Amino acid sequence: MTDAPTHAADTDTDEAHDTADQKVVEQEQAEIKDFVKGLSADDIKSGNWFTKLAAHAMNSYTEKVDWQYFQDRYAGVPADAIVDQRIKMAARYAALEGGLSAGAYTATVAATIGSLGGASPATVPAAVATMMVDVAFTTQLQLRLAYDISVLYRIPLDVHDPEDLWKLIRVAFTIKSGEAAREGVAKAVPALVRPLVKRFYSGSVLNAGKALPVVGKSLLQRNVIKIGIPLVGVPLAVLLNRYTTLLAGRHARAVFRNEARVIEIAEGISERSRHPQLMLWVAWLVLRANAKAKIADDEALLMRHLVRLVRERHEVVDENLANVVDIDPAEVWKRVDAEPGDLGDVLDAAERVATVDGDVNSREKAILAELRERCRRG
């Protein structure tokens, strides 16, 4: 996500801020227009535009934007403060672009999508091309915003790795399995116009979009709404661009900040551990205190990073633990009793592990009480 020019952004006048922001938006909008010119009607209708945009938006961007990039601009500033500013800036850009694009929209665009066909870019009507500039601009903006936030919280993502790229896409567009596009859009729209959006969705104008892949379909539908409702197209485009970008940024902040929190816990435990191998067994016992329950995402993330850090810092790899399906408490207590000396570091690790996903439950409390007793006897 491009920054506004420093010389203008550093002034104290709102007019200078607005001028600088609009200049950035117009520059990026011009680049997006070149990208859209290369799309065919089939790219839009099939949803392949999103695949092409993901590569276009992230390949060169990730080579430039890294931790050092932000350090050079915000040296000494905590990540939370920088993230908040990046979200606000992205929301401003999205709103500005929505206003610029919406002026050229017509209500016939939604119906035109259904008639698209052919592989030639020349077959894409001008009105649809205008809409796709807005779709591509906000999509690229939100992808890059999510990536910025991952970098600021020191969560490494390789956009050339399919798993990492899909993680970025899920976070950027708040994709949850089973969530309908209309539900996500309705939540993003200001309360005043939600009834209007729901009525619009009940019509047949979006039927043509049903064949699109899930991400492309959701993003295309979100933007068709902005231009398909008579009389409110321009103000709704501005509001919806801003709201969806704020939602994307806040969701990315919640996800990546939480992951950074879990990694920080894992690093602290690993650094203080004098019994790294035993610590892993005890940690897994605590995490699987309720063996019948599905392990929480934060718990799985913590264990993955504990194993990684113990391997990297202590050069310990426990194949026996890796092969465990149902952990046996008796086996863990046997290992605890066999270890001489002070096991305060193991107890401290267990207590921190128990709180990673929230309040300590009764089963976890029982394990911690047993561990304290055995540590005291030892």
Protein backbone atom coordinates (compact mmCIF):
# COMPACT_ATOMS: atom_id res chain seq x y z
CA MET A 1 0.00 0.00 0.00
CA THR A 2 1.67 3.18 -1.21
CA ASP A 3 2.28 6.03 1.24
CA ALA A 4 1.25 9.58 0.45
CA PRO A 5 4.18 11.81 -0.53
CA THR A 6 6.04 12.73 2.65
CA HIS A 7 6.44 16.43 1.94
CA ALA A 8 2.68 16.89 1.63
CA ALA A 9 1.59 14.40 4.29
CA ASP A 10 3.79 16.07 6.89
CA THR A 11 2.04 19.43 6.62
CA ASP A 12 -0.65 20.48 9.10
CA THR A 13 -3.43 21.36 6.69
CA ASP A 14 -6.32 19.09 5.78
CA GLU A 15 -6.17 20.42 2.24
CA ALA A 16 -2.58 19.24 1.83
CA HIS A 17 -3.51 15.80 3.17
CA ASP A 18 -6.44 15.53 0.77
CA THR A 19 -4.38 16.68 -2.21
CA ALA A 20 -1.57 14.24 -1.43
CA ASP A 21 -3.97 11.35 -0.89
CA GLN A 22 -5.90 12.03 -4.08
CA LYS A 23 -2.66 12.19 -6.06
CA VAL A 24 -1.64 8.76 -4.74
CA VAL A 25 -5.07 7.33 -5.51
CA GLU A 26 -5.07 8.72 -9.05
CA GLN A 27 -1.59 7.29 -9.70
CA GLU A 28 -2.55 3.83 -8.49
CA GLN A 29 -5.89 4.03 -10.29
CA ALA A 30 -4.03 4.70 -13.54
CA GLU A 31 -1.90 1.59 -12.98
CA ILE A 32 -5.01 -0.47 -12.26
CA LYS A 33 -6.61 0.78 -15.47
CA ASP A 34 -3.67 -0.65 -17.41
CA PHE A 35 -4.16 -3.96 -15.62
CA VAL A 36 -7.90 -4.03 -16.39
CA LYS A 37 -7.21 -3.34 -20.08
CA GLY A 38 -5.47 -6.69 -20.20
CA LEU A 39 -8.48 -8.61 -18.86
CA SER A 40 -10.84 -10.44 -21.15
CA ALA A 41 -14.58 -10.78 -20.70
CA ASP A 42 -14.01 -14.42 -19.73
CA ASP A 43 -11.50 -13.36 -17.06
CA ILE A 44 -14.21 -11.24 -15.43
CA LYS A 45 -17.03 -13.73 -15.77
CA SER A 46 -14.98 -16.77 -14.69
CA GLY A 47 -13.34 -15.03 -11.74
CA ASN A 48 -9.87 -15.51 -13.20
CA TRP A 49 -9.35 -11.77 -12.81
CA PHE A 50 -8.77 -12.34 -9.12
CA THR A 51 -6.00 -14.87 -9.72
CA LYS A 52 -4.27 -12.47 -12.09
CA LEU A 53 -4.71 -9.54 -9.72
CA ALA A 54 -3.25 -11.41 -6.75
CA ALA A 55 -0.03 -11.95 -8.70
CA HIS A 56 -0.08 -8.40 -10.09
CA ALA A 57 -0.71 -6.83 -6.68
CA MET A 58 1.76 -8.76 -4.57
CA ASN A 59 4.80 -9.89 -6.58
CA SER A 60 6.72 -6.61 -6.83
CA TYR A 61 5.14 -5.18 -3.68
CA THR A 62 6.50 -7.86 -1.36
CA GLU A 63 10.01 -7.37 -2.73
CA LYS A 64 9.91 -3.74 -1.60
CA VAL A 65 7.86 -3.88 1.60
CA ASP A 66 9.49 -5.71 4.50
CA TRP A 67 10.25 -5.07 8.15
CA GLN A 68 13.10 -2.71 7.26
CA TYR A 69 10.78 -0.70 5.01
CA PHE A 70 8.63 0.20 8.01
CA GLN A 71 11.60 0.69 10.31
CA ASP A 72 12.98 3.33 7.96
CA ARG A 73 9.68 5.22 8.11
CA TYR A 74 8.52 4.59 11.68
CA ALA A 75 11.70 3.94 13.67
CA GLY A 76 10.90 3.28 17.32
CA VAL A 77 7.11 3.38 16.89
CA PRO A 78 5.21 0.35 18.32
CA ALA A 79 3.54 -1.89 15.76
CA ASP A 80 0.02 -1.21 17.09
CA ALA A 81 0.36 2.51 16.38
CA ILE A 82 1.66 1.96 12.85
CA VAL A 83 -1.05 -0.57 12.04
CA ASP A 84 -3.77 1.83 13.15
CA GLN A 85 -2.40 4.52 10.85
CA ARG A 86 -2.11 2.13 7.90
CA ILE A 87 -5.74 1.08 8.30
CA LYS A 88 -6.94 4.69 8.43
CA MET A 89 -4.86 5.62 5.39
CA ALA A 90 -6.15 2.66 3.39
CA ALA A 91 -9.74 3.55 4.28
CA ARG A 92 -9.17 7.12 3.04
CA TYR A 93 -7.72 5.86 -0.23
CA ALA A 94 -10.63 3.45 -0.72
CA ALA A 95 -13.21 6.16 -0.13
CA LEU A 96 -11.49 8.57 -2.50
CA GLU A 97 -11.27 5.96 -5.24
CA GLY A 98 -14.92 5.00 -4.74
CA GLY A 99 -15.96 8.57 -5.37
CA LEU A 100 -13.80 8.84 -8.48
CA SER A 101 -15.07 5.58 -9.99
CA ALA A 102 -18.72 5.78 -9.02
CA GLY A 103 -19.31 8.90 -11.05
CA ALA A 104 -18.91 6.82 -14.21
CA TYR A 105 -21.14 3.94 -13.10
CA THR A 106 -24.49 3.11 -14.62
CA ALA A 107 -27.21 0.81 -13.31
CA THR A 108 -26.97 -1.23 -16.50
CA VAL A 109 -23.59 -2.66 -15.53
CA ALA A 110 -25.04 -5.45 -13.36
CA ALA A 111 -27.15 -6.74 -16.24
CA THR A 112 -24.23 -6.36 -18.67
CA ILE A 113 -22.08 -8.77 -16.66
CA GLY A 114 -24.41 -11.63 -17.47
CA SER A 115 -23.95 -11.12 -21.21
CA LEU A 116 -20.16 -11.05 -21.15
CA GLY A 117 -18.40 -13.58 -23.29
CA GLY A 118 -15.34 -14.08 -25.43
CA ALA A 119 -11.62 -13.96 -24.78
CA SER A 120 -10.82 -10.57 -26.27
CA PRO A 121 -10.31 -7.60 -23.95
CA ALA A 122 -12.03 -5.49 -26.59
CA THR A 123 -15.32 -7.26 -25.85
CA VAL A 124 -15.44 -5.84 -22.30
CA PRO A 125 -17.91 -2.91 -22.29
CA ALA A 126 -16.59 0.42 -21.03
CA ALA A 127 -19.00 0.50 -18.09
CA VAL A 128 -17.86 -2.94 -16.92
CA ALA A 129 -14.23 -1.92 -17.32
CA THR A 130 -14.91 1.10 -15.10
CA MET A 131 -16.45 -1.16 -12.48
CA MET A 132 -13.49 -3.55 -12.65
CA VAL A 133 -11.07 -0.69 -11.98
CA ASP A 134 -12.89 -0.07 -8.71
CA VAL A 135 -13.04 -3.80 -7.87
CA ALA A 136 -9.36 -4.30 -8.64
CA PHE A 137 -8.30 -1.13 -6.81
CA THR A 138 -10.04 -2.00 -3.54
CA THR A 139 -9.02 -5.67 -3.80
CA GLN A 140 -5.37 -4.76 -4.28
CA LEU A 141 -5.57 -2.17 -1.50
CA GLN A 142 -7.00 -4.64 1.00
CA LEU A 143 -4.56 -7.41 0.05
CA ARG A 144 -1.62 -5.09 0.52
CA LEU A 145 -3.02 -3.70 3.77
CA ALA A 146 -3.31 -7.21 5.21
CA TYR A 147 0.24 -7.95 4.08
CA ASP A 148 1.52 -4.72 5.67
CA ILE A 149 -0.07 -5.74 8.96
CA SER A 150 1.47 -9.21 8.83
CA VAL A 151 4.91 -7.65 8.30
CA LEU A 152 4.44 -5.16 11.14
CA TYR A 153 3.56 -7.95 13.58
CA ARG A 154 6.50 -10.01 12.31
CA ILE A 155 4.35 -12.79 10.88
CA PRO A 156 6.29 -14.12 7.89
CA LEU A 157 4.20 -14.75 4.77
CA ASP A 158 5.59 -15.97 1.46
CA VAL A 159 3.07 -14.95 -1.21
CA HIS A 160 4.70 -17.45 -3.58
CA ASP A 161 3.71 -20.26 -1.22
CA PRO A 162 0.10 -21.32 -1.98
CA GLU A 163 -0.72 -21.93 1.69
CA ASP A 164 0.58 -18.53 2.79
CA LEU A 165 -1.13 -16.75 -0.11
CA TRP A 166 -4.47 -18.37 0.73
CA LYS A 167 -4.00 -17.37 4.37
CA LEU A 168 -3.45 -13.77 3.27
CA ILE A 169 -6.56 -13.86 1.06
CA ARG A 170 -8.71 -15.33 3.84
CA VAL A 171 -7.55 -12.67 6.28
CA ALA A 172 -7.82 -9.75 3.84
CA PHE A 173 -11.38 -10.57 2.82
CA THR A 174 -12.57 -12.09 6.12
CA ILE A 175 -13.46 -15.35 4.39
CA LYS A 176 -15.03 -17.96 6.64
CA SER A 177 -16.20 -21.34 5.46
CA GLY A 178 -19.93 -21.36 4.81
CA GLU A 179 -20.32 -17.59 4.98
CA ALA A 180 -22.43 -16.25 2.15
CA ALA A 181 -21.29 -13.22 0.24
CA ARG A 182 -24.51 -11.37 1.02
CA GLU A 183 -23.99 -11.80 4.76
CA GLY A 184 -20.53 -10.31 4.60
CA VAL A 185 -21.68 -7.40 2.48
CA ALA A 186 -24.71 -6.63 4.63
CA LYS A 187 -22.53 -6.37 7.71
CA ALA A 188 -20.15 -4.01 5.92
CA VAL A 189 -22.82 -1.60 4.73
CA PRO A 190 -23.90 1.28 7.02
CA ALA A 191 -27.09 0.41 8.93
CA LEU A 192 -29.09 3.11 7.14
CA VAL A 193 -28.89 1.39 3.75
CA ARG A 194 -28.90 -2.30 4.81
CA PRO A 195 -32.62 -2.79 4.07
CA LEU A 196 -32.07 -1.39 0.58
CA VAL A 197 -29.11 -3.70 -0.01
CA LYS A 198 -31.08 -6.75 1.13
CA ARG A 199 -33.96 -5.91 -1.22
CA PHE A 200 -31.51 -5.45 -4.05
CA TYR A 201 -29.98 -8.83 -3.34
CA SER A 202 -33.37 -10.51 -3.58
CA GLY A 203 -33.65 -9.54 -7.25
CA SER A 204 -32.29 -11.41 -10.24
CA VAL A 205 -29.64 -8.90 -11.17
CA LEU A 206 -26.83 -10.88 -9.52
CA ASN A 207 -27.77 -14.28 -10.91
CA ALA A 208 -25.09 -13.91 -13.56
CA GLY A 209 -22.44 -13.83 -10.83
CA LYS A 210 -23.31 -17.19 -9.33
CA ALA A 211 -20.87 -19.07 -11.51
CA LEU A 212 -17.87 -17.09 -10.28
CA PRO A 213 -15.34 -18.67 -7.89
CA VAL A 214 -16.06 -17.90 -4.27
CA VAL A 215 -13.60 -15.04 -3.82
CA GLY A 216 -14.17 -13.41 -7.18
CA LYS A 217 -17.92 -13.84 -6.83
CA SER A 218 -17.99 -12.23 -3.40
CA LEU A 219 -15.89 -9.27 -4.45
CA LEU A 220 -17.79 -8.74 -7.68
CA GLN A 221 -21.17 -8.89 -5.94
CA ARG A 222 -20.02 -6.41 -3.32
CA ASN A 223 -19.18 -3.91 -6.03
CA VAL A 224 -22.24 -4.54 -8.19
CA ILE A 225 -24.35 -3.51 -5.22
CA LYS A 226 -22.68 -0.11 -5.15
CA ILE A 227 -23.58 0.69 -8.73
CA GLY A 228 -26.89 -1.12 -9.08
CA ILE A 229 -28.97 0.80 -6.56
CA PRO A 230 -30.48 3.88 -8.22
CA LEU A 231 -29.68 7.34 -6.84
CA VAL A 232 -27.29 6.18 -4.10
CA GLY A 233 -24.48 4.79 -6.25
CA VAL A 234 -21.85 7.46 -5.57
CA PRO A 235 -22.32 7.96 -1.81
CA LEU A 236 -22.72 4.22 -1.28
CA ALA A 237 -19.55 3.52 -3.26
CA VAL A 238 -17.62 5.88 -1.01
CA LEU A 239 -19.11 4.45 2.20
CA LEU A 240 -18.85 0.81 1.18
CA ASN A 241 -15.26 1.13 0.00
CA ARG A 242 -14.34 2.77 3.28
CA TYR A 243 -16.26 0.31 5.47
CA THR A 244 -15.01 -2.84 3.76
CA THR A 245 -11.42 -1.58 3.93
CA LEU A 246 -11.78 -0.76 7.62
CA LEU A 247 -13.21 -4.22 8.22
CA ALA A 248 -10.38 -5.86 6.27
CA GLY A 249 -7.76 -3.93 8.20
CA ARG A 250 -9.31 -4.56 11.61
CA HIS A 251 -9.71 -8.24 10.88
CA ALA A 252 -6.09 -8.50 9.72
CA ARG A 253 -4.99 -6.66 12.86
CA ALA A 254 -6.93 -9.06 15.09
CA VAL A 255 -5.61 -12.17 13.35
CA PHE A 256 -1.95 -11.21 12.99
CA ARG A 257 -1.69 -9.47 16.35
CA ASN A 258 -3.05 -12.56 18.06
CA GLU A 259 -0.59 -14.76 16.17
CA ALA A 260 2.23 -12.43 17.23
CA ARG A 261 1.01 -12.72 20.83
CA VAL A 262 1.13 -16.53 20.68
CA ILE A 263 4.61 -16.49 19.13
CA GLU A 264 5.77 -14.11 21.86
CA ILE A 265 4.52 -16.55 24.50
CA ALA A 266 6.31 -19.43 22.76
CA GLU A 267 9.55 -17.44 22.55
CA GLY A 268 9.40 -16.52 26.23
CA ILE A 269 8.79 -20.12 27.31
CA SER A 270 11.56 -21.46 25.09
CA GLU A 271 14.08 -18.84 26.19
CA ARG A 272 13.53 -19.55 29.91
CA SER A 273 13.33 -23.31 29.59
CA ARG A 274 16.06 -25.41 31.24
CA HIS A 275 14.20 -28.63 30.44
CA PRO A 276 13.04 -28.11 26.83
CA GLN A 277 12.19 -31.74 26.06
CA LEU A 278 10.18 -32.23 29.27
CA MET A 279 8.53 -28.85 28.73
CA LEU A 280 7.13 -30.00 25.39
CA TRP A 281 5.58 -33.11 26.94
CA VAL A 282 4.02 -31.12 29.76
CA ALA A 283 2.81 -28.41 27.37
CA TRP A 284 1.09 -30.98 25.15
CA LEU A 285 -0.50 -32.64 28.19
CA VAL A 286 -1.95 -29.28 29.26
CA LEU A 287 -3.18 -28.48 25.75
CA ARG A 288 -4.85 -31.88 25.48
CA ALA A 289 -6.35 -31.71 28.97
CA ASN A 290 -9.75 -32.22 27.37
CA ALA A 291 -8.86 -34.95 24.89
CA LYS A 292 -12.40 -35.11 23.49
CA ALA A 293 -12.46 -31.44 22.51
CA LYS A 294 -11.04 -30.11 19.27
CA ILE A 295 -7.75 -28.33 19.85
CA ALA A 296 -8.15 -24.56 19.51
CA ASP A 297 -6.30 -22.65 16.79
CA ASP A 298 -4.22 -20.73 19.34
CA GLU A 299 -3.25 -23.95 21.08
CA ALA A 300 -2.16 -25.61 17.85
CA LEU A 301 -0.23 -22.48 16.87
CA LEU A 302 1.53 -22.33 20.24
CA MET A 303 2.60 -25.98 20.11
CA ARG A 304 3.88 -25.61 16.56
CA HIS A 305 6.06 -22.66 17.54
CA LEU A 306 7.24 -24.29 20.77
CA VAL A 307 8.46 -27.32 18.82
CA ARG A 308 10.14 -25.06 16.24
CA LEU A 309 11.88 -22.90 18.85
CA VAL A 310 13.06 -25.87 20.91
CA ARG A 311 14.50 -27.38 17.75
CA GLU A 312 16.22 -24.14 16.71
CA ARG A 313 17.44 -22.93 20.11
CA HIS A 314 18.04 -26.14 22.03
CA GLU A 315 18.60 -28.57 19.14
CA VAL A 316 16.01 -30.92 20.59
CA VAL A 317 13.74 -33.01 18.37
CA ASP A 318 11.53 -35.57 20.14
CA GLU A 319 10.31 -38.19 17.68
CA ASN A 320 8.43 -40.02 20.45
CA LEU A 321 6.28 -36.96 21.14
CA ALA A 322 5.74 -36.44 17.41
CA ASN A 323 4.30 -39.97 17.16
CA VAL A 324 1.89 -39.59 20.11
CA VAL A 325 -1.80 -39.81 19.21
CA ASP A 326 -3.45 -39.90 22.66
CA ILE A 327 -1.07 -38.57 25.28
CA ASP A 328 -0.92 -40.65 28.47
CA PRO A 329 -0.70 -38.53 31.65
CA ALA A 330 1.08 -41.37 33.44
CA GLU A 331 3.88 -41.22 30.87
CA VAL A 332 4.28 -37.48 31.40
CA TRP A 333 4.30 -37.81 35.21
CA LYS A 334 6.92 -40.52 34.90
CA ARG A 335 9.13 -38.12 32.95
CA VAL A 336 8.53 -35.34 35.49
CA ASP A 337 9.41 -37.58 38.46
CA ALA A 338 12.58 -38.78 36.72
CA GLU A 339 13.92 -35.26 36.26
CA PRO A 340 16.07 -34.06 39.21
CA GLY A 341 16.39 -30.51 40.45
CA ASP A 342 14.20 -27.44 40.24
CA LEU A 343 11.38 -27.73 37.70
CA GLY A 344 10.06 -24.22 38.23
CA ASP A 345 10.62 -23.40 34.55
CA VAL A 346 8.42 -26.34 33.51
CA LEU A 347 5.66 -25.29 35.90
CA ASP A 348 5.85 -21.69 34.67
CA ALA A 349 5.62 -22.91 31.07
CA ALA A 350 2.59 -25.07 31.87
CA GLU A 351 0.79 -22.14 33.52
CA ARG A 352 1.40 -19.90 30.52
CA VAL A 353 0.34 -22.61 28.07
CA ALA A 354 -2.95 -23.08 29.95
CA THR A 355 -3.91 -19.42 29.46
CA VAL A 356 -3.08 -19.11 25.75
CA ASP A 357 -6.70 -19.55 24.64
CA GLY A 358 -8.34 -17.71 27.52
CA ASP A 359 -9.45 -18.78 30.99
CA VAL A 360 -8.00 -21.95 32.54
CA ASN A 361 -10.63 -24.71 32.63
CA SER A 362 -11.14 -27.29 35.36
CA ARG A 363 -9.17 -30.06 33.61
CA GLU A 364 -6.22 -27.75 33.04
CA LYS A 365 -6.36 -26.64 36.68
CA ALA A 366 -6.22 -30.28 37.78
CA ILE A 367 -3.12 -30.92 35.67
CA LEU A 368 -1.43 -27.79 36.98
CA ALA A 369 -2.21 -28.78 40.60
CA GLU A 370 -0.73 -32.25 40.01
CA LEU A 371 2.36 -30.74 38.41
CA ARG A 372 2.88 -28.33 41.34
CA GLU A 373 2.66 -31.20 43.80
CA ARG A 374 5.19 -33.31 41.89
CA CYS A 375 7.55 -30.34 41.44
CA ARG A 376 7.38 -29.65 45.19
CA ARG A 377 8.14 -33.27 46.03
CA GLY A 378 10.95 -33.35 43.52
